[in-house]
């Protein structure tokens, strides 16, 4: 998933990440060494990367607007009414929960960038 995004492609990315998460559950580390076990470290890091990948795709898929370097070709305009918010993703067991927190605007008012 790159900067230029489409809903259908993000759905495909989500399916790919879900498949990789299922496959990850059946992975085993062959190295049983208790000291400096890089295979185990790689295994743990892979699980973390897949968790973050799913959170990123879910957040992007649910943000139906374009903003900054999140450019949705199917939603080309910015939507401050619904999405002047931070996207928060929490994981509860195997479930991912999305929530939003309002952006606190202080000194600089948000403005659309024109390039």
PDB file of N, CA and C in Angstrom:
ATOM      1  N   UNK A   1       0.855  -1.164   0.000  1.00  0.00           N
ATOM      2  CA  UNK A   1       0.000   0.000   0.000  1.00  0.00           C
ATOM      3  C   UNK A   1       0.902   1.228   0.000  1.00  0.00           C
ATOM      4  N   UNK A   2       0.758   2.048  -1.012  1.00  0.00           N
ATOM      5  CA  UNK A   2       1.583   3.240  -1.136  1.00  0.00           C
ATOM      6  C   UNK A   2       0.829   4.495  -0.747  1.00  0.00           C
ATOM      7  N   UNK A   3       1.318   5.629  -1.186  1.00  0.00           N
ATOM      8  CA  UNK A   3       0.701   6.920  -0.885  1.00  0.00           C
ATOM      9  C   UNK A   3      -0.606   7.081  -1.653  1.00  0.00           C
ATOM     10  N   UNK A   4      -0.631   6.679  -2.923  1.00  0.00           N
ATOM     11  CA  UNK A   4      -1.840   6.769  -3.745  1.00  0.00           C
ATOM     12  C   UNK A   4      -2.658   5.506  -3.520  1.00  0.00           C
ATOM     13  N   UNK A   5      -3.880   5.668  -3.042  1.00  0.00           N
ATOM     14  CA  UNK A   5      -4.659   4.518  -2.575  1.00  0.00           C
ATOM     15  C   UNK A   5      -6.052   4.496  -3.183  1.00  0.00           C
ATOM     16  N   UNK A   6      -6.572   3.286  -3.302  1.00  0.00           N
ATOM     17  CA  UNK A   6      -7.956   3.060  -3.730  1.00  0.00           C
ATOM     18  C   UNK A   6      -8.560   2.047  -2.765  1.00  0.00           C
ATOM     19  N   UNK A   7      -9.846   2.190  -2.511  1.00  0.00           N
ATOM     20  CA  UNK A   7     -10.518   1.297  -1.580  1.00  0.00           C
ATOM     21  C   UNK A   7     -10.347  -0.171  -1.921  1.00  0.00           C
ATOM     22  N   UNK A   8     -10.531  -0.525  -3.194  1.00  0.00           N
ATOM     23  CA  UNK A   8     -10.433  -1.929  -3.608  1.00  0.00           C
ATOM     24  C   UNK A   8      -9.028  -2.481  -3.374  1.00  0.00           C
ATOM     25  N   UNK A   9      -8.016  -1.660  -3.640  1.00  0.00           N
ATOM     26  CA  UNK A   9      -6.635  -2.108  -3.432  1.00  0.00           C
ATOM     27  C   UNK A   9      -6.318  -2.256  -1.948  1.00  0.00           C
ATOM     28  N   UNK A  10      -6.903  -1.388  -1.130  1.00  0.00           N
ATOM     29  CA  UNK A  10      -6.686  -1.513   0.313  1.00  0.00           C
ATOM     30  C   UNK A  10      -7.397  -2.743   0.872  1.00  0.00           C
ATOM     31  N   UNK A  11      -8.577  -3.065   0.319  1.00  0.00           N
ATOM     32  CA  UNK A  11      -9.268  -4.309   0.711  1.00  0.00           C
ATOM     33  C   UNK A  11      -8.395  -5.516   0.377  1.00  0.00           C
ATOM     34  N   UNK A  12      -7.772  -5.476  -0.794  1.00  0.00           N
ATOM     35  CA  UNK A  12      -6.867  -6.551  -1.203  1.00  0.00           C
ATOM     36  C   UNK A  12      -5.667  -6.626  -0.258  1.00  0.00           C
ATOM     37  N   UNK A  13      -5.126  -5.474   0.121  1.00  0.00           N
ATOM     38  CA  UNK A  13      -4.004  -5.442   1.066  1.00  0.00           C
ATOM     39  C   UNK A  13      -4.421  -6.025   2.411  1.00  0.00           C
ATOM     40  N   UNK A  14      -5.633  -5.700   2.860  1.00  0.00           N
ATOM     41  CA  UNK A  14      -6.136  -6.235   4.123  1.00  0.00           C
ATOM     42  C   UNK A  14      -6.262  -7.752   4.056  1.00  0.00           C
ATOM     43  N   UNK A  15      -6.777  -8.270   2.948  1.00  0.00           N
ATOM     44  CA  UNK A  15      -6.877  -9.726   2.778  1.00  0.00           C
ATOM     45  C   UNK A  15      -5.502 -10.379   2.788  1.00  0.00           C
ATOM     46  N   UNK A  16      -4.525  -9.734   2.156  1.00  0.00           N
ATOM     47  CA  UNK A  16      -3.160 -10.267   2.136  1.00  0.00           C
ATOM     48  C   UNK A  16      -2.578 -10.302   3.540  1.00  0.00           C
ATOM     49  N   UNK A  17      -2.737  -9.214   4.285  1.00  0.00           N
ATOM     50  CA  UNK A  17      -2.213  -9.171   5.656  1.00  0.00           C
ATOM     51  C   UNK A  17      -2.909 -10.221   6.515  1.00  0.00           C
ATOM     52  N   UNK A  18      -4.226 -10.364   6.375  1.00  0.00           N
ATOM     53  CA  UNK A  18      -4.949 -11.390   7.129  1.00  0.00           C
ATOM     54  C   UNK A  18      -4.422 -12.786   6.809  1.00  0.00           C
ATOM     55  N   UNK A  19      -4.151 -13.062   5.540  1.00  0.00           N
ATOM     56  CA  UNK A  19      -3.596 -14.365   5.141  1.00  0.00           C
ATOM     57  C   UNK A  19      -2.220 -14.578   5.756  1.00  0.00           C
ATOM     58  N   UNK A  20      -1.407 -13.531   5.746  1.00  0.00           N
ATOM     59  CA  UNK A  20      -0.068 -13.632   6.336  1.00  0.00           C
ATOM     60  C   UNK A  20      -0.144 -13.848   7.844  1.00  0.00           C
ATOM     61  N   UNK A  21      -1.122 -13.221   8.500  1.00  0.00           N
ATOM     62  CA  UNK A  21      -1.290 -13.431   9.940  1.00  0.00           C
ATOM     63  C   UNK A  21      -1.673 -14.875  10.253  1.00  0.00           C
ATOM     64  N   UNK A  22      -2.526 -15.465   9.428  1.00  0.00           N
ATOM     65  CA  UNK A  22      -2.899 -16.872   9.607  1.00  0.00           C
ATOM     66  C   UNK A  22      -1.673 -17.758   9.414  1.00  0.00           C
ATOM     67  N   UNK A  23      -0.915 -17.485   8.369  1.00  0.00           N
ATOM     68  CA  UNK A  23       0.298 -18.261   8.095  1.00  0.00           C
ATOM     69  C   UNK A  23       1.316 -18.090   9.225  1.00  0.00           C
ATOM     70  N   UNK A  24       1.424 -16.887   9.756  1.00  0.00           N
ATOM     71  CA  UNK A  24       2.364 -16.600  10.847  1.00  0.00           C
ATOM     72  C   UNK A  24       2.062 -17.471  12.066  1.00  0.00           C
ATOM     73  N   UNK A  25       0.779 -17.714  12.332  1.00  0.00           N
ATOM     74  CA  UNK A  25       0.397 -18.513  13.497  1.00  0.00           C
ATOM     75  C   UNK A  25       0.946 -19.936  13.435  1.00  0.00           C
ATOM     76  N   UNK A  26       1.210 -20.434  12.234  1.00  0.00           N
ATOM     77  CA  UNK A  26       1.729 -21.802  12.109  1.00  0.00           C
ATOM     78  C   UNK A  26       3.250 -21.842  11.979  1.00  0.00           C
ATOM     79  N   UNK A  27       3.890 -20.680  12.001  1.00  0.00           N
ATOM     80  CA  UNK A  27       5.360 -20.642  11.920  1.00  0.00           C
ATOM     81  C   UNK A  27       5.970 -21.134  13.226  1.00  0.00           C
ATOM     82  N   UNK A  28       7.104 -21.752  13.118  1.00  0.00           N
ATOM     83  CA  UNK A  28       7.859 -22.206  14.283  1.00  0.00           C
ATOM     84  C   UNK A  28       9.304 -21.784  14.117  1.00  0.00           C
ATOM     85  N   UNK A  29       9.945 -21.525  15.242  1.00  0.00           N
ATOM     86  CA  UNK A  29      11.360 -21.160  15.238  1.00  0.00           C
ATOM     87  C   UNK A  29      12.163 -22.431  15.467  1.00  0.00           C
ATOM     88  N   UNK A  30      13.034 -22.742  14.509  1.00  0.00           N
ATOM     89  CA  UNK A  30      13.836 -23.956  14.619  1.00  0.00           C
ATOM     90  C   UNK A  30      14.964 -23.852  15.633  1.00  0.00           C
ATOM     91  N   UNK A  31      15.477 -22.663  15.836  1.00  0.00           N
ATOM     92  CA  UNK A  31      16.586 -22.444  16.767  1.00  0.00           C
ATOM     93  C   UNK A  31      16.022 -22.355  18.180  1.00  0.00           C
ATOM     94  N   UNK A  32      16.417 -23.267  19.057  1.00  0.00           N
ATOM     95  CA  UNK A  32      15.919 -23.274  20.435  1.00  0.00           C
ATOM     96  C   UNK A  32      16.923 -22.690  21.420  1.00  0.00           C
ATOM     97  N   UNK A  33      17.983 -22.096  20.906  1.00  0.00           N
ATOM     98  CA  UNK A  33      18.996 -21.498  21.761  1.00  0.00           C
ATOM     99  C   UNK A  33      18.369 -20.389  22.604  1.00  0.00           C
ATOM    100  N   UNK A  34      18.732 -20.317  23.873  1.00  0.00           N
ATOM    101  CA  UNK A  34      18.187 -19.302  24.764  1.00  0.00           C
ATOM    102  C   UNK A  34      19.020 -18.026  24.788  1.00  0.00           C
ATOM    103  N   UNK A  35      20.169 -18.049  24.131  1.00  0.00           N
ATOM    104  CA  UNK A  35      21.055 -16.887  24.114  1.00  0.00           C
ATOM    105  C   UNK A  35      21.221 -16.412  22.679  1.00  0.00           C
ATOM    106  N   UNK A  36      21.024 -15.125  22.462  1.00  0.00           N
ATOM    107  CA  UNK A  36      21.211 -14.489  21.156  1.00  0.00           C
ATOM    108  C   UNK A  36      20.536 -15.274  20.027  1.00  0.00           C
ATOM    109  N   UNK A  37      19.266 -15.519  20.209  1.00  0.00           N
ATOM    110  CA  UNK A  37      18.494 -16.295  19.244  1.00  0.00           C
ATOM    111  C   UNK A  37      17.866 -15.336  18.224  1.00  0.00           C
ATOM    112  N   UNK A  38      18.600 -15.051  17.159  1.00  0.00           N
ATOM    113  CA  UNK A  38      18.117 -14.094  16.157  1.00  0.00           C
ATOM    114  C   UNK A  38      16.892 -14.617  15.405  1.00  0.00           C
ATOM    115  N   UNK A  39      16.776 -15.919  15.276  1.00  0.00           N
ATOM    116  CA  UNK A  39      15.600 -16.484  14.601  1.00  0.00           C
ATOM    117  C   UNK A  39      14.337 -16.159  15.399  1.00  0.00           C
ATOM    118  N   UNK A  40      14.430 -16.262  16.725  1.00  0.00           N
ATOM    119  CA  UNK A  40      13.282 -15.946  17.575  1.00  0.00           C
ATOM    120  C   UNK A  40      12.973 -14.448  17.528  1.00  0.00           C
ATOM    121  N   UNK A  41      14.018 -13.622  17.542  1.00  0.00           N
ATOM    122  CA  UNK A  41      13.830 -12.171  17.439  1.00  0.00           C
ATOM    123  C   UNK A  41      13.138 -11.835  16.119  1.00  0.00           C
ATOM    124  N   UNK A  42      13.585 -12.449  15.024  1.00  0.00           N
ATOM    125  CA  UNK A  42      12.963 -12.217  13.715  1.00  0.00           C
ATOM    126  C   UNK A  42      11.495 -12.636  13.716  1.00  0.00           C
ATOM    127  N   UNK A  43      11.197 -13.744  14.373  1.00  0.00           N
ATOM    128  CA  UNK A  43       9.823 -14.236  14.470  1.00  0.00           C
ATOM    129  C   UNK A  43       8.938 -13.224  15.211  1.00  0.00           C
ATOM    130  N   UNK A  44       9.414 -12.747  16.348  1.00  0.00           N
ATOM    131  CA  UNK A  44       8.652 -11.768  17.137  1.00  0.00           C
ATOM    132  C   UNK A  44       8.469 -10.474  16.342  1.00  0.00           C
ATOM    133  N   UNK A  45       9.540 -10.007  15.693  1.00  0.00           N
ATOM    134  CA  UNK A  45       9.458  -8.772  14.910  1.00  0.00           C
ATOM    135  C   UNK A  45       8.494  -8.912  13.736  1.00  0.00           C
ATOM    136  N   UNK A  46       8.471 -10.074  13.098  1.00  0.00           N
ATOM    137  CA  UNK A  46       7.532 -10.300  11.998  1.00  0.00           C
ATOM    138  C   UNK A  46       6.093 -10.184  12.493  1.00  0.00           C
ATOM    139  N   UNK A  47       5.807 -10.781  13.642  1.00  0.00           N
ATOM    140  CA  UNK A  47       4.466 -10.674  14.210  1.00  0.00           C
ATOM    141  C   UNK A  47       4.084  -9.228  14.483  1.00  0.00           C
ATOM    142  N   UNK A  48       5.027  -8.464  15.010  1.00  0.00           N
ATOM    143  CA  UNK A  48       4.769  -7.046  15.278  1.00  0.00           C
ATOM    144  C   UNK A  48       4.535  -6.274  13.988  1.00  0.00           C
ATOM    145  N   UNK A  49       5.332  -6.559  12.958  1.00  0.00           N
ATOM    146  CA  UNK A  49       5.164  -5.866  11.673  1.00  0.00           C
ATOM    147  C   UNK A  49       3.812  -6.181  11.044  1.00  0.00           C
ATOM    148  N   UNK A  50       3.367  -7.421  11.156  1.00  0.00           N
ATOM    149  CA  UNK A  50       2.060  -7.784  10.604  1.00  0.00           C
ATOM    150  C   UNK A  50       0.928  -7.104  11.371  1.00  0.00           C
ATOM    151  N   UNK A  51       1.072  -7.003  12.686  1.00  0.00           N
ATOM    152  CA  UNK A  51       0.077  -6.308  13.504  1.00  0.00           C
ATOM    153  C   UNK A  51      -0.019  -4.841  13.103  1.00  0.00           C
ATOM    154  N   UNK A  52       1.128  -4.190  12.943  1.00  0.00           N
ATOM    155  CA  UNK A  52       1.149  -2.779  12.542  1.00  0.00           C
ATOM    156  C   UNK A  52       0.604  -2.620  11.125  1.00  0.00           C
ATOM    157  N   UNK A  53       0.957  -3.538  10.225  1.00  0.00           N
ATOM    158  CA  UNK A  53       0.466  -3.462   8.846  1.00  0.00           C
ATOM    159  C   UNK A  53      -1.057  -3.511   8.819  1.00  0.00           C
ATOM    160  N   UNK A  54      -1.639  -4.388   9.616  1.00  0.00           N
ATOM    161  CA  UNK A  54      -3.102  -4.479   9.639  1.00  0.00           C
ATOM    162  C   UNK A  54      -3.707  -3.195  10.205  1.00  0.00           C
ATOM    163  N   UNK A  55      -3.106  -2.638  11.247  1.00  0.00           N
ATOM    164  CA  UNK A  55      -3.604  -1.387  11.829  1.00  0.00           C
ATOM    165  C   UNK A  55      -3.544  -0.249  10.815  1.00  0.00           C
ATOM    166  N   UNK A  56      -2.452  -0.169  10.064  1.00  0.00           N
ATOM    167  CA  UNK A  56      -2.293   0.893   9.059  1.00  0.00           C
ATOM    168  C   UNK A  56      -3.339   0.751   7.959  1.00  0.00           C
ATOM    169  N   UNK A  57      -3.532  -0.464   7.466  1.00  0.00           N
ATOM    170  CA  UNK A  57      -4.504  -0.677   6.388  1.00  0.00           C
ATOM    171  C   UNK A  57      -5.922  -0.377   6.877  1.00  0.00           C
ATOM    172  N   UNK A  58      -6.265  -0.830   8.075  1.00  0.00           N
ATOM    173  CA  UNK A  58      -7.605  -0.550   8.606  1.00  0.00           C
ATOM    174  C   UNK A  58      -7.833   0.948   8.780  1.00  0.00           C
ATOM    175  N   UNK A  59      -6.841   1.644   9.312  1.00  0.00           N
ATOM    176  CA  UNK A  59      -6.964   3.087   9.489  1.00  0.00           C
ATOM    177  C   UNK A  59      -7.135   3.805   8.168  1.00  0.00           C
ATOM    178  N   UNK A  60      -6.348   3.408   7.178  1.00  0.00           N
ATOM    179  CA  UNK A  60      -6.416   4.040   5.856  1.00  0.00           C
ATOM    180  C   UNK A  60      -7.736   3.727   5.161  1.00  0.00           C
ATOM    181  N   UNK A  61      -8.181   2.505   5.274  1.00  0.00           N
ATOM    182  CA  UNK A  61      -9.421   2.083   4.619  1.00  0.00           C
ATOM    183  C   UNK A  61     -10.629   2.830   5.184  1.00  0.00           C
ATOM    184  N   UNK A  62     -10.612   3.101   6.473  1.00  0.00           N
ATOM    185  CA  UNK A  62     -11.749   3.765   7.112  1.00  0.00           C
ATOM    186  C   UNK A  62     -11.700   5.283   7.022  1.00  0.00           C
ATOM    187  N   UNK A  63     -10.605   5.828   6.541  1.00  0.00           N
ATOM    188  CA  UNK A  63     -10.493   7.290   6.366  1.00  0.00           C
ATOM    189  C   UNK A  63     -10.890   7.609   4.929  1.00  0.00           C
ATOM    190  N   UNK A  64     -12.140   7.981   4.746  1.00  0.00           N
ATOM    191  CA  UNK A  64     -12.681   8.218   3.403  1.00  0.00           C
ATOM    192  C   UNK A  64     -12.479   9.672   2.992  1.00  0.00           C
ATOM    193  N   UNK A  65     -11.238  10.036   2.836  1.00  0.00           N
ATOM    194  CA  UNK A  65     -10.825  11.375   2.421  1.00  0.00           C
ATOM    195  C   UNK A  65      -9.375  11.287   1.963  1.00  0.00           C
ATOM    196  N   UNK A  66      -8.862  12.407   1.461  1.00  0.00           N
ATOM    197  CA  UNK A  66      -7.433  12.534   1.165  1.00  0.00           C
ATOM    198  C   UNK A  66      -6.873  13.612   2.071  1.00  0.00           C
ATOM    199  N   UNK A  67      -5.688  13.339   2.634  1.00  0.00           N
ATOM    200  CA  UNK A  67      -5.058  14.291   3.554  1.00  0.00           C
ATOM    201  C   UNK A  67      -3.574  13.957   3.631  1.00  0.00           C
ATOM    202  N   UNK A  68      -2.732  14.988   3.459  1.00  0.00           N
ATOM    203  CA  UNK A  68      -1.287  14.770   3.573  1.00  0.00           C
ATOM    204  C   UNK A  68      -0.818  13.718   2.588  1.00  0.00           C
ATOM    205  N   UNK A  69      -0.122  12.705   3.089  1.00  0.00           N
ATOM    206  CA  UNK A  69       0.341  11.650   2.175  1.00  0.00           C
ATOM    207  C   UNK A  69      -0.591  10.441   2.206  1.00  0.00           C
ATOM    208  N   UNK A  70      -1.842  10.655   2.568  1.00  0.00           N
ATOM    209  CA  UNK A  70      -2.897   9.648   2.418  1.00  0.00           C
ATOM    210  C   UNK A  70      -3.793  10.167   1.295  1.00  0.00           C
ATOM    211  N   UNK A  71      -3.518   9.722   0.083  1.00  0.00           N
ATOM    212  CA  UNK A  71      -4.229  10.228  -1.099  1.00  0.00           C
ATOM    213  C   UNK A  71      -5.107   9.130  -1.675  1.00  0.00           C
ATOM    214  N   UNK A  72      -6.399   9.215  -1.399  1.00  0.00           N
ATOM    215  CA  UNK A  72      -7.337   8.221  -1.911  1.00  0.00           C
ATOM    216  C   UNK A  72      -7.884   8.689  -3.236  1.00  0.00           C
ATOM    217  N   UNK A  73      -7.652   7.905  -4.255  1.00  0.00           N
ATOM    218  CA  UNK A  73      -8.150   8.253  -5.583  1.00  0.00           C
ATOM    219  C   UNK A  73      -9.672   8.186  -5.639  1.00  0.00           C
ATOM    220  N   UNK A  74     -10.288   7.358  -4.778  1.00  0.00           N
ATOM    221  CA  UNK A  74     -11.746   7.258  -4.741  1.00  0.00           C
ATOM    222  C   UNK A  74     -12.382   8.300  -3.808  1.00  0.00           C
ATOM    223  N   UNK A  75     -11.589   9.000  -3.026  1.00  0.00           N
ATOM    224  CA  UNK A  75     -12.034  10.117  -2.183  1.00  0.00           C
ATOM    225  C   UNK A  75     -10.976  11.214  -2.277  1.00  0.00           C
ATOM    226  N   UNK A  76     -10.992  12.000  -3.348  1.00  0.00           N
ATOM    227  CA  UNK A  76      -9.889  12.930  -3.606  1.00  0.00           C
ATOM    228  C   UNK A  76      -9.880  14.195  -2.742  1.00  0.00           C
ATOM    229  N   UNK A  77     -10.953  14.447  -1.991  1.00  0.00           N
ATOM    230  CA  UNK A  77     -11.031  15.702  -1.245  1.00  0.00           C
ATOM    231  C   UNK A  77     -10.845  15.497   0.253  1.00  0.00           C
ATOM    232  N   UNK A  78     -10.377  16.525   0.886  1.00  0.00           N
ATOM    233  CA  UNK A  78     -10.183  16.553   2.323  1.00  0.00           C
ATOM    234  C   UNK A  78     -11.542  16.744   3.006  1.00  0.00           C
ATOM    235  N   UNK A  79     -11.715  16.160   4.187  1.00  0.00           N
ATOM    236  CA  UNK A  79     -12.984  16.239   4.908  1.00  0.00           C
ATOM    237  C   UNK A  79     -12.709  16.588   6.373  1.00  0.00           C
ATOM    238  N   UNK A  80     -12.571  17.889   6.649  1.00  0.00           N
ATOM    239  CA  UNK A  80     -12.288  18.320   8.022  1.00  0.00           C
ATOM    240  C   UNK A  80     -13.464  18.090   8.966  1.00  0.00           C
ATOM    241  N   UNK A  81     -14.679  18.051   8.437  1.00  0.00           N
ATOM    242  CA  UNK A  81     -15.855  17.848   9.286  1.00  0.00           C
ATOM    243  C   UNK A  81     -15.786  16.479   9.964  1.00  0.00           C
ATOM    244  N   UNK A  82     -15.463  15.448   9.198  1.00  0.00           N
ATOM    245  CA  UNK A  82     -15.454  14.089   9.739  1.00  0.00           C
ATOM    246  C   UNK A  82     -14.069  13.569  10.106  1.00  0.00           C
ATOM    247  N   UNK A  83     -13.015  14.150   9.552  1.00  0.00           N
ATOM    248  CA  UNK A  83     -11.696  13.545   9.729  1.00  0.00           C
ATOM    249  C   UNK A  83     -10.592  14.491  10.167  1.00  0.00           C
ATOM    250  N   UNK A  84     -10.925  15.606  10.811  1.00  0.00           N
ATOM    251  CA  UNK A  84      -9.880  16.400  11.447  1.00  0.00           C
ATOM    252  C   UNK A  84      -9.646  15.734  12.802  1.00  0.00           C
ATOM    253  N   UNK A  85      -9.149  14.512  12.718  1.00  0.00           N
ATOM    254  CA  UNK A  85      -9.011  13.636  13.884  1.00  0.00           C
ATOM    255  C   UNK A  85      -7.773  12.768  13.736  1.00  0.00           C
ATOM    256  N   UNK A  86      -7.271  12.310  14.867  1.00  0.00           N
ATOM    257  CA  UNK A  86      -6.223  11.298  14.887  1.00  0.00           C
ATOM    258  C   UNK A  86      -6.920   9.938  14.854  1.00  0.00           C
ATOM    259  N   UNK A  87      -6.399   9.014  14.075  1.00  0.00           N
ATOM    260  CA  UNK A  87      -6.934   7.661  14.033  1.00  0.00           C
ATOM    261  C   UNK A  87      -6.188   6.818  15.053  1.00  0.00           C
ATOM    262  N   UNK A  88      -6.924   6.147  15.919  1.00  0.00           N
ATOM    263  CA  UNK A  88      -6.334   5.280  16.936  1.00  0.00           C
ATOM    264  C   UNK A  88      -6.784   3.852  16.666  1.00  0.00           C
ATOM    265  N   UNK A  89      -5.851   2.929  16.714  1.00  0.00           N
ATOM    266  CA  UNK A  89      -6.183   1.515  16.538  1.00  0.00           C
ATOM    267  C   UNK A  89      -5.692   0.777  17.770  1.00  0.00           C
ATOM    268  N   UNK A  90      -6.600   0.063  18.409  1.00  0.00           N
ATOM    269  CA  UNK A  90      -6.224  -0.773  19.546  1.00  0.00           C
ATOM    270  C   UNK A  90      -6.557  -2.217  19.202  1.00  0.00           C
ATOM    271  N   UNK A  91      -5.806  -3.113  19.794  1.00  0.00           N
ATOM    272  CA  UNK A  91      -6.013  -4.539  19.539  1.00  0.00           C
ATOM    273  C   UNK A  91      -6.493  -5.174  20.834  1.00  0.00           C
ATOM    274  N   UNK A  92      -7.637  -5.819  20.761  1.00  0.00           N
ATOM    275  CA  UNK A  92      -8.209  -6.511  21.908  1.00  0.00           C
ATOM    276  C   UNK A  92      -8.360  -7.973  21.530  1.00  0.00           C
ATOM    277  N   UNK A  93      -7.437  -8.805  21.992  1.00  0.00           N
ATOM    278  CA  UNK A  93      -7.393 -10.195  21.551  1.00  0.00           C
ATOM    279  C   UNK A  93      -7.003 -10.223  20.089  1.00  0.00           C
ATOM    280  N   UNK A  94      -7.830 -10.829  19.259  1.00  0.00           N
ATOM    281  CA  UNK A  94      -7.578 -10.848  17.817  1.00  0.00           C
ATOM    282  C   UNK A  94      -8.315  -9.727  17.088  1.00  0.00           C
ATOM    283  N   UNK A  95      -9.131  -8.964  17.812  1.00  0.00           N
ATOM    284  CA  UNK A  95      -9.941  -7.912  17.186  1.00  0.00           C
ATOM    285  C   UNK A  95      -9.208  -6.570  17.217  1.00  0.00           C
ATOM    286  N   UNK A  96      -9.337  -5.839  16.122  1.00  0.00           N
ATOM    287  CA  UNK A  96      -8.772  -4.494  16.016  1.00  0.00           C
ATOM    288  C   UNK A  96      -9.923  -3.506  16.132  1.00  0.00           C
ATOM    289  N   UNK A  97      -9.758  -2.495  16.973  1.00  0.00           N
ATOM    290  CA  UNK A  97     -10.819  -1.509  17.196  1.00  0.00           C
ATOM    291  C   UNK A  97     -10.308  -0.136  16.782  1.00  0.00           C
ATOM    292  N   UNK A  98     -11.054   0.535  15.908  1.00  0.00           N
ATOM    293  CA  UNK A  98     -10.705   1.885  15.475  1.00  0.00           C
ATOM    294  C   UNK A  98     -11.482   2.901  16.289  1.00  0.00           C
ATOM    295  N   UNK A  99     -10.795   3.954  16.669  1.00  0.00           N
ATOM    296  CA  UNK A  99     -11.447   5.093  17.309  1.00  0.00           C
ATOM    297  C   UNK A  99     -10.731   6.349  16.830  1.00  0.00           C
ATOM    298  N   UNK A 100     -11.297   7.468  17.170  1.00  0.00           N
ATOM    299  CA  UNK A 100     -10.744   8.736  16.701  1.00  0.00           C
ATOM    300  C   UNK A 100     -10.654   9.716  17.858  1.00  0.00           C
ATOM    301  N   UNK A 101      -9.650  10.572  17.798  1.00  0.00           N
ATOM    302  CA  UNK A 101      -9.488  11.640  18.779  1.00  0.00           C
ATOM    303  C   UNK A 101      -9.366  12.950  18.015  1.00  0.00           C
ATOM    304  N   UNK A 102     -10.130  13.953  18.439  1.00  0.00           N
ATOM    305  CA  UNK A 102     -10.088  15.251  17.764  1.00  0.00           C
ATOM    306  C   UNK A 102      -8.688  15.843  17.797  1.00  0.00           C
ATOM    307  N   UNK A 103      -8.309  16.490  16.702  1.00  0.00           N
ATOM    308  CA  UNK A 103      -7.052  17.225  16.642  1.00  0.00           C
ATOM    309  C   UNK A 103      -7.252  18.516  17.429  1.00  0.00           C
ATOM    310  N   UNK A 104      -6.322  18.829  18.303  1.00  0.00           N
ATOM    311  CA  UNK A 104      -6.376  20.089  19.041  1.00  0.00           C
ATOM    312  C   UNK A 104      -5.674  21.137  18.192  1.00  0.00           C
ATOM    313  N   UNK A 105      -6.445  22.092  17.712  1.00  0.00           N
ATOM    314  CA  UNK A 105      -5.895  23.153  16.868  1.00  0.00           C
ATOM    315  C   UNK A 105      -5.467  24.294  17.782  1.00  0.00           C
ATOM    316  N   UNK A 106      -4.200  24.660  17.689  1.00  0.00           N
ATOM    317  CA  UNK A 106      -3.683  25.732  18.544  1.00  0.00           C
ATOM    318  C   UNK A 106      -3.313  26.938  17.686  1.00  0.00           C
ATOM    319  N   UNK A 107      -2.062  27.124  17.416  1.00  0.00           N
ATOM    320  CA  UNK A 107      -1.579  28.330  16.741  1.00  0.00           C
ATOM    321  C   UNK A 107      -1.930  28.376  15.253  1.00  0.00           C
ATOM    322  N   UNK A 108      -1.773  27.272  14.558  1.00  0.00           N
ATOM    323  CA  UNK A 108      -1.957  27.257  13.106  1.00  0.00           C
ATOM    324  C   UNK A 108      -3.257  26.557  12.741  1.00  0.00           C
ATOM    325  N   UNK A 109      -4.094  27.257  12.014  1.00  0.00           N
ATOM    326  CA  UNK A 109      -5.353  26.689  11.550  1.00  0.00           C
ATOM    327  C   UNK A 109      -5.081  25.738  10.386  1.00  0.00           C
ATOM    328  N   UNK A 110      -5.790  24.629  10.327  1.00  0.00           N
ATOM    329  CA  UNK A 110      -5.584  23.702   9.215  1.00  0.00           C
ATOM    330  C   UNK A 110      -6.000  24.337   7.894  1.00  0.00           C
ATOM    331  N   UNK A 111      -5.225  24.069   6.881  1.00  0.00           N
ATOM    332  CA  UNK A 111      -5.520  24.590   5.543  1.00  0.00           C
ATOM    333  C   UNK A 111      -5.112  23.549   4.517  1.00  0.00           C
ATOM    334  N   UNK A 112      -5.869  23.494   3.449  1.00  0.00           N
ATOM    335  CA  UNK A 112      -5.559  22.553   2.381  1.00  0.00           C
ATOM    336  C   UNK A 112      -4.281  22.982   1.671  1.00  0.00           C
ATOM    337  N   UNK A 113      -3.420  22.016   1.410  1.00  0.00           N
ATOM    338  CA  UNK A 113      -2.178  22.303   0.691  1.00  0.00           C
ATOM    339  C   UNK A 113      -2.445  22.316  -0.799  1.00  0.00           C
ATOM    340  N   UNK A 114      -1.915  23.295  -1.461  1.00  0.00           N
ATOM    341  CA  UNK A 114      -2.038  23.395  -2.923  1.00  0.00           C
ATOM    342  C   UNK A 114      -0.643  23.299  -3.510  1.00  0.00           C
ATOM    343  N   UNK A 115      -0.439  22.340  -4.390  1.00  0.00           N
ATOM    344  CA  UNK A 115       0.878  22.153  -5.009  1.00  0.00           C
ATOM    345  C   UNK A 115       0.829  22.535  -6.465  1.00  0.00           C
TER     346      UNK A 115
END
